[in-house]
């Protein structure tokens, strides 16, 4: 019995510490989007996201120490890719925590869906595998509770909400 518990705990710890495997779906985008090859919902594995044009920046955050380098796909590129047509996004984490992000945030030089921090893929334990990060040091407006609250980590899915 003790061996089973130890094995289960070891497997659980490995799951939370390991980065996402390339073939696993890490992001689902649904709602007011164009039809994908498989229907109304877009699914992306890590390789899909990494194949898209990437963006990176250095910034400090309120959750980390020192300047961090983030790399990923810009929110605007991803939303263009899926043909998003809405006014607001509902971004949801692995634990079902959700935030609302206005579509107006999806601009060039704005937030990215980061899959890499300081050159390393992010594990679930370290806010990964995906984290919406704003370039806080570039725009003073981003250094506010309003934008910090939109910086959802362990991002799992995005629903594009249709405009009124």
C-alpha atoms as a PDB file:
ATOM      1  CA  UNK A   1       0.000   0.000   0.000  1.00  0.00           C
ATOM      2  CA  UNK A   2       2.807   2.427   0.897  1.00  0.00           C
ATOM      3  CA  UNK A   3       4.522   1.676  -2.414  1.00  0.00           C
ATOM      4  CA  UNK A   4       1.299   2.493  -4.309  1.00  0.00           C
ATOM      5  CA  UNK A   5       0.918   5.817  -2.511  1.00  0.00           C
ATOM      6  CA  UNK A   6       4.573   6.683  -3.145  1.00  0.00           C
ATOM      7  CA  UNK A   7       4.233   5.796  -6.833  1.00  0.00           C
ATOM      8  CA  UNK A   8       1.060   7.861  -7.138  1.00  0.00           C
ATOM      9  CA  UNK A   9       2.685  10.840  -5.432  1.00  0.00           C
ATOM     10  CA  UNK A  10       5.794  10.561  -7.583  1.00  0.00           C
ATOM     11  CA  UNK A  11       3.676  10.431 -10.737  1.00  0.00           C
ATOM     12  CA  UNK A  12       1.635  13.444  -9.597  1.00  0.00           C
ATOM     13  CA  UNK A  13       4.731  15.465  -8.794  1.00  0.00           C
ATOM     14  CA  UNK A  14       6.193  14.574 -12.193  1.00  0.00           C
ATOM     15  CA  UNK A  15       2.980  15.692 -13.927  1.00  0.00           C
ATOM     16  CA  UNK A  16       3.024  19.085 -12.254  1.00  0.00           C
ATOM     17  CA  UNK A  17       6.749  19.624 -12.765  1.00  0.00           C
ATOM     18  CA  UNK A  18       7.013  18.473 -16.390  1.00  0.00           C
ATOM     19  CA  UNK A  19       6.466  20.773 -19.359  1.00  0.00           C
ATOM     20  CA  UNK A  20       3.623  19.907 -21.727  1.00  0.00           C
ATOM     21  CA  UNK A  21       4.306  17.260 -24.335  1.00  0.00           C
ATOM     22  CA  UNK A  22       4.260  18.541 -27.913  1.00  0.00           C
ATOM     23  CA  UNK A  23       1.331  16.325 -28.979  1.00  0.00           C
ATOM     24  CA  UNK A  24      -0.995  17.215 -26.092  1.00  0.00           C
ATOM     25  CA  UNK A  25      -3.632  19.891 -26.612  1.00  0.00           C
ATOM     26  CA  UNK A  26      -2.493  22.844 -24.520  1.00  0.00           C
ATOM     27  CA  UNK A  27      -4.936  25.483 -25.758  1.00  0.00           C
ATOM     28  CA  UNK A  28      -8.503  25.432 -27.030  1.00  0.00           C
ATOM     29  CA  UNK A  29     -10.080  28.479 -28.671  1.00  0.00           C
ATOM     30  CA  UNK A  30     -13.827  28.558 -29.229  1.00  0.00           C
ATOM     31  CA  UNK A  31     -16.770  30.909 -29.470  1.00  0.00           C
ATOM     32  CA  UNK A  32     -17.029  33.579 -32.134  1.00  0.00           C
ATOM     33  CA  UNK A  33     -14.274  32.191 -34.369  1.00  0.00           C
ATOM     34  CA  UNK A  34     -13.993  30.916 -37.937  1.00  0.00           C
ATOM     35  CA  UNK A  35     -14.496  27.204 -38.503  1.00  0.00           C
ATOM     36  CA  UNK A  36     -11.328  25.156 -38.151  1.00  0.00           C
ATOM     37  CA  UNK A  37     -10.528  21.935 -40.001  1.00  0.00           C
ATOM     38  CA  UNK A  38     -12.252  20.069 -37.183  1.00  0.00           C
ATOM     39  CA  UNK A  39     -15.260  22.328 -36.611  1.00  0.00           C
ATOM     40  CA  UNK A  40     -16.084  25.338 -34.473  1.00  0.00           C
ATOM     41  CA  UNK A  41     -13.288  24.820 -31.949  1.00  0.00           C
ATOM     42  CA  UNK A  42      -9.583  25.308 -32.520  1.00  0.00           C
ATOM     43  CA  UNK A  43      -7.121  23.120 -30.637  1.00  0.00           C
ATOM     44  CA  UNK A  44      -3.392  23.738 -30.407  1.00  0.00           C
ATOM     45  CA  UNK A  45      -0.578  21.591 -29.129  1.00  0.00           C
ATOM     46  CA  UNK A  46       2.758  23.115 -28.202  1.00  0.00           C
ATOM     47  CA  UNK A  47       4.210  22.440 -31.660  1.00  0.00           C
ATOM     48  CA  UNK A  48       1.272  24.277 -33.280  1.00  0.00           C
ATOM     49  CA  UNK A  49       1.869  27.339 -31.128  1.00  0.00           C
ATOM     50  CA  UNK A  50       5.622  27.274 -31.668  1.00  0.00           C
ATOM     51  CA  UNK A  51       5.087  27.051 -35.447  1.00  0.00           C
ATOM     52  CA  UNK A  52       3.227  30.372 -35.419  1.00  0.00           C
ATOM     53  CA  UNK A  53       5.156  33.658 -35.658  1.00  0.00           C
ATOM     54  CA  UNK A  54       6.697  34.231 -32.249  1.00  0.00           C
ATOM     55  CA  UNK A  55       7.164  37.379 -30.244  1.00  0.00           C
ATOM     56  CA  UNK A  56       9.394  37.944 -27.238  1.00  0.00           C
ATOM     57  CA  UNK A  57      10.198  40.660 -24.769  1.00  0.00           C
ATOM     58  CA  UNK A  58      11.979  41.283 -21.508  1.00  0.00           C
ATOM     59  CA  UNK A  59      10.015  42.621 -18.582  1.00  0.00           C
ATOM     60  CA  UNK A  60       9.676  42.497 -14.835  1.00  0.00           C
ATOM     61  CA  UNK A  61       6.517  41.086 -13.263  1.00  0.00           C
ATOM     62  CA  UNK A  62       4.987  41.261  -9.800  1.00  0.00           C
ATOM     63  CA  UNK A  63       5.228  37.442  -9.599  1.00  0.00           C
ATOM     64  CA  UNK A  64       8.904  36.975 -10.423  1.00  0.00           C
ATOM     65  CA  UNK A  65      12.237  38.451  -9.400  1.00  0.00           C
ATOM     66  CA  UNK A  66      14.325  40.456 -11.822  1.00  0.00           C
ATOM     67  CA  UNK A  67      13.937  40.888 -15.551  1.00  0.00           C
ATOM     68  CA  UNK A  68      12.414  37.873 -17.288  1.00  0.00           C
ATOM     69  CA  UNK A  69      12.395  36.984 -20.984  1.00  0.00           C
ATOM     70  CA  UNK A  70       9.091  35.696 -22.304  1.00  0.00           C
ATOM     71  CA  UNK A  71       8.487  34.162 -25.720  1.00  0.00           C
ATOM     72  CA  UNK A  72       5.251  33.061 -27.319  1.00  0.00           C
ATOM     73  CA  UNK A  73       2.603  33.921 -29.852  1.00  0.00           C
ATOM     74  CA  UNK A  74       1.088  37.368 -29.604  1.00  0.00           C
ATOM     75  CA  UNK A  75      -2.553  37.415 -28.604  1.00  0.00           C
ATOM     76  CA  UNK A  76      -3.352  39.436 -31.735  1.00  0.00           C
ATOM     77  CA  UNK A  77      -1.677  36.876 -34.051  1.00  0.00           C
ATOM     78  CA  UNK A  78      -3.507  33.975 -32.416  1.00  0.00           C
ATOM     79  CA  UNK A  79      -6.879  35.719 -32.635  1.00  0.00           C
ATOM     80  CA  UNK A  80      -6.266  36.640 -36.292  1.00  0.00           C
ATOM     81  CA  UNK A  81      -5.313  33.016 -36.978  1.00  0.00           C
ATOM     82  CA  UNK A  82      -8.624  31.683 -35.630  1.00  0.00           C
ATOM     83  CA  UNK A  83     -10.699  34.431 -37.229  1.00  0.00           C
ATOM     84  CA  UNK A  84     -11.883  35.797 -33.893  1.00  0.00           C
ATOM     85  CA  UNK A  85     -14.762  38.245 -34.152  1.00  0.00           C
ATOM     86  CA  UNK A  86     -15.844  39.473 -30.770  1.00  0.00           C
ATOM     87  CA  UNK A  87     -15.586  42.145 -28.151  1.00  0.00           C
ATOM     88  CA  UNK A  88     -14.255  40.175 -25.210  1.00  0.00           C
ATOM     89  CA  UNK A  89     -12.317  37.047 -24.357  1.00  0.00           C
ATOM     90  CA  UNK A  90     -12.932  34.670 -21.513  1.00  0.00           C
ATOM     91  CA  UNK A  91      -9.546  33.171 -20.651  1.00  0.00           C
ATOM     92  CA  UNK A  92      -9.695  30.097 -18.429  1.00  0.00           C
ATOM     93  CA  UNK A  93      -6.921  28.328 -16.520  1.00  0.00           C
ATOM     94  CA  UNK A  94      -6.462  24.616 -15.871  1.00  0.00           C
ATOM     95  CA  UNK A  95      -8.169  25.019 -12.482  1.00  0.00           C
ATOM     96  CA  UNK A  96     -11.168  26.813 -14.119  1.00  0.00           C
ATOM     97  CA  UNK A  97     -10.096  30.251 -12.849  1.00  0.00           C
ATOM     98  CA  UNK A  98     -11.349  32.705 -15.481  1.00  0.00           C
ATOM     99  CA  UNK A  99     -10.655  36.310 -16.447  1.00  0.00           C
ATOM    100  CA  UNK A 100     -12.165  38.650 -19.010  1.00  0.00           C
ATOM    101  CA  UNK A 101      -9.853  40.331 -21.493  1.00  0.00           C
ATOM    102  CA  UNK A 102     -11.121  42.983 -23.912  1.00  0.00           C
ATOM    103  CA  UNK A 103     -10.343  42.250 -27.575  1.00  0.00           C
ATOM    104  CA  UNK A 104      -8.839  45.748 -27.637  1.00  0.00           C
ATOM    105  CA  UNK A 105      -5.859  44.335 -25.685  1.00  0.00           C
ATOM    106  CA  UNK A 106      -4.913  42.186 -28.694  1.00  0.00           C
ATOM    107  CA  UNK A 107      -2.580  44.668 -30.369  1.00  0.00           C
ATOM    108  CA  UNK A 108       0.900  44.538 -31.841  1.00  0.00           C
ATOM    109  CA  UNK A 109       3.376  45.069 -29.019  1.00  0.00           C
ATOM    110  CA  UNK A 110       0.771  43.923 -26.503  1.00  0.00           C
ATOM    111  CA  UNK A 111       0.324  40.670 -24.582  1.00  0.00           C
ATOM    112  CA  UNK A 112       1.641  37.320 -25.687  1.00  0.00           C
ATOM    113  CA  UNK A 113       0.621  33.796 -24.851  1.00  0.00           C
ATOM    114  CA  UNK A 114       3.985  32.817 -23.483  1.00  0.00           C
ATOM    115  CA  UNK A 115       5.204  29.238 -23.771  1.00  0.00           C
ATOM    116  CA  UNK A 116       8.768  30.031 -22.731  1.00  0.00           C
ATOM    117  CA  UNK A 117      10.276  31.924 -19.817  1.00  0.00           C
ATOM    118  CA  UNK A 118      14.001  32.617 -19.882  1.00  0.00           C
ATOM    119  CA  UNK A 119      14.439  30.112 -22.712  1.00  0.00           C
ATOM    120  CA  UNK A 120      12.699  27.238 -20.893  1.00  0.00           C
ATOM    121  CA  UNK A 121       9.256  25.752 -21.406  1.00  0.00           C
ATOM    122  CA  UNK A 122       7.097  26.430 -18.366  1.00  0.00           C
ATOM    123  CA  UNK A 123       5.729  23.587 -16.262  1.00  0.00           C
ATOM    124  CA  UNK A 124       2.313  23.707 -14.627  1.00  0.00           C
ATOM    125  CA  UNK A 125       4.090  24.248 -11.318  1.00  0.00           C
ATOM    126  CA  UNK A 126       5.790  27.345 -12.783  1.00  0.00           C
ATOM    127  CA  UNK A 127       2.732  29.058 -14.281  1.00  0.00           C
ATOM    128  CA  UNK A 128       2.785  27.052 -17.503  1.00  0.00           C
ATOM    129  CA  UNK A 129       2.483  25.640 -19.900  1.00  0.00           C
ATOM    130  CA  UNK A 130       0.919  28.909 -21.134  1.00  0.00           C
ATOM    131  CA  UNK A 131       0.795  32.330 -19.497  1.00  0.00           C
ATOM    132  CA  UNK A 132      -0.709  35.533 -20.898  1.00  0.00           C
ATOM    133  CA  UNK A 133       1.971  38.130 -20.199  1.00  0.00           C
ATOM    134  CA  UNK A 134       1.918  41.836 -20.962  1.00  0.00           C
ATOM    135  CA  UNK A 135       5.131  43.828 -21.594  1.00  0.00           C
ATOM    136  CA  UNK A 136       4.719  45.667 -18.292  1.00  0.00           C
ATOM    137  CA  UNK A 137       7.957  47.650 -18.538  1.00  0.00           C
ATOM    138  CA  UNK A 138       7.108  49.085 -21.972  1.00  0.00           C
ATOM    139  CA  UNK A 139       3.729  50.596 -21.144  1.00  0.00           C
ATOM    140  CA  UNK A 140       2.990  52.206 -17.778  1.00  0.00           C
ATOM    141  CA  UNK A 141      -0.725  51.439 -18.258  1.00  0.00           C
ATOM    142  CA  UNK A 142       0.152  47.732 -18.009  1.00  0.00           C
ATOM    143  CA  UNK A 143       1.502  48.282 -14.479  1.00  0.00           C
ATOM    144  CA  UNK A 144      -1.940  48.299 -12.910  1.00  0.00           C
ATOM    145  CA  UNK A 145      -4.250  45.863 -11.179  1.00  0.00           C
ATOM    146  CA  UNK A 146      -6.496  45.993 -14.242  1.00  0.00           C
ATOM    147  CA  UNK A 147      -3.806  44.403 -16.453  1.00  0.00           C
ATOM    148  CA  UNK A 148      -2.207  42.257 -13.755  1.00  0.00           C
ATOM    149  CA  UNK A 149      -5.595  40.586 -13.269  1.00  0.00           C
ATOM    150  CA  UNK A 150      -5.669  39.674 -16.977  1.00  0.00           C
ATOM    151  CA  UNK A 151      -2.278  37.953 -16.801  1.00  0.00           C
ATOM    152  CA  UNK A 152      -3.670  34.476 -16.388  1.00  0.00           C
ATOM    153  CA  UNK A 153      -1.221  31.609 -16.047  1.00  0.00           C
ATOM    154  CA  UNK A 154      -1.839  27.908 -16.654  1.00  0.00           C
ATOM    155  CA  UNK A 155      -4.007  29.110 -19.548  1.00  0.00           C
ATOM    156  CA  UNK A 156      -6.070  26.251 -20.929  1.00  0.00           C
ATOM    157  CA  UNK A 157      -8.770  27.786 -23.108  1.00  0.00           C
ATOM    158  CA  UNK A 158     -10.078  30.998 -24.589  1.00  0.00           C
ATOM    159  CA  UNK A 159     -13.657  31.682 -25.550  1.00  0.00           C
ATOM    160  CA  UNK A 160     -14.242  34.606 -27.891  1.00  0.00           C
ATOM    161  CA  UNK A 161     -17.453  36.336 -26.863  1.00  0.00           C
ATOM    162  CA  UNK A 162     -19.504  37.861 -29.678  1.00  0.00           C
ATOM    163  CA  UNK A 163     -20.015  41.622 -29.647  1.00  0.00           C
ATOM    164  CA  UNK A 164     -23.373  43.179 -28.852  1.00  0.00           C
END
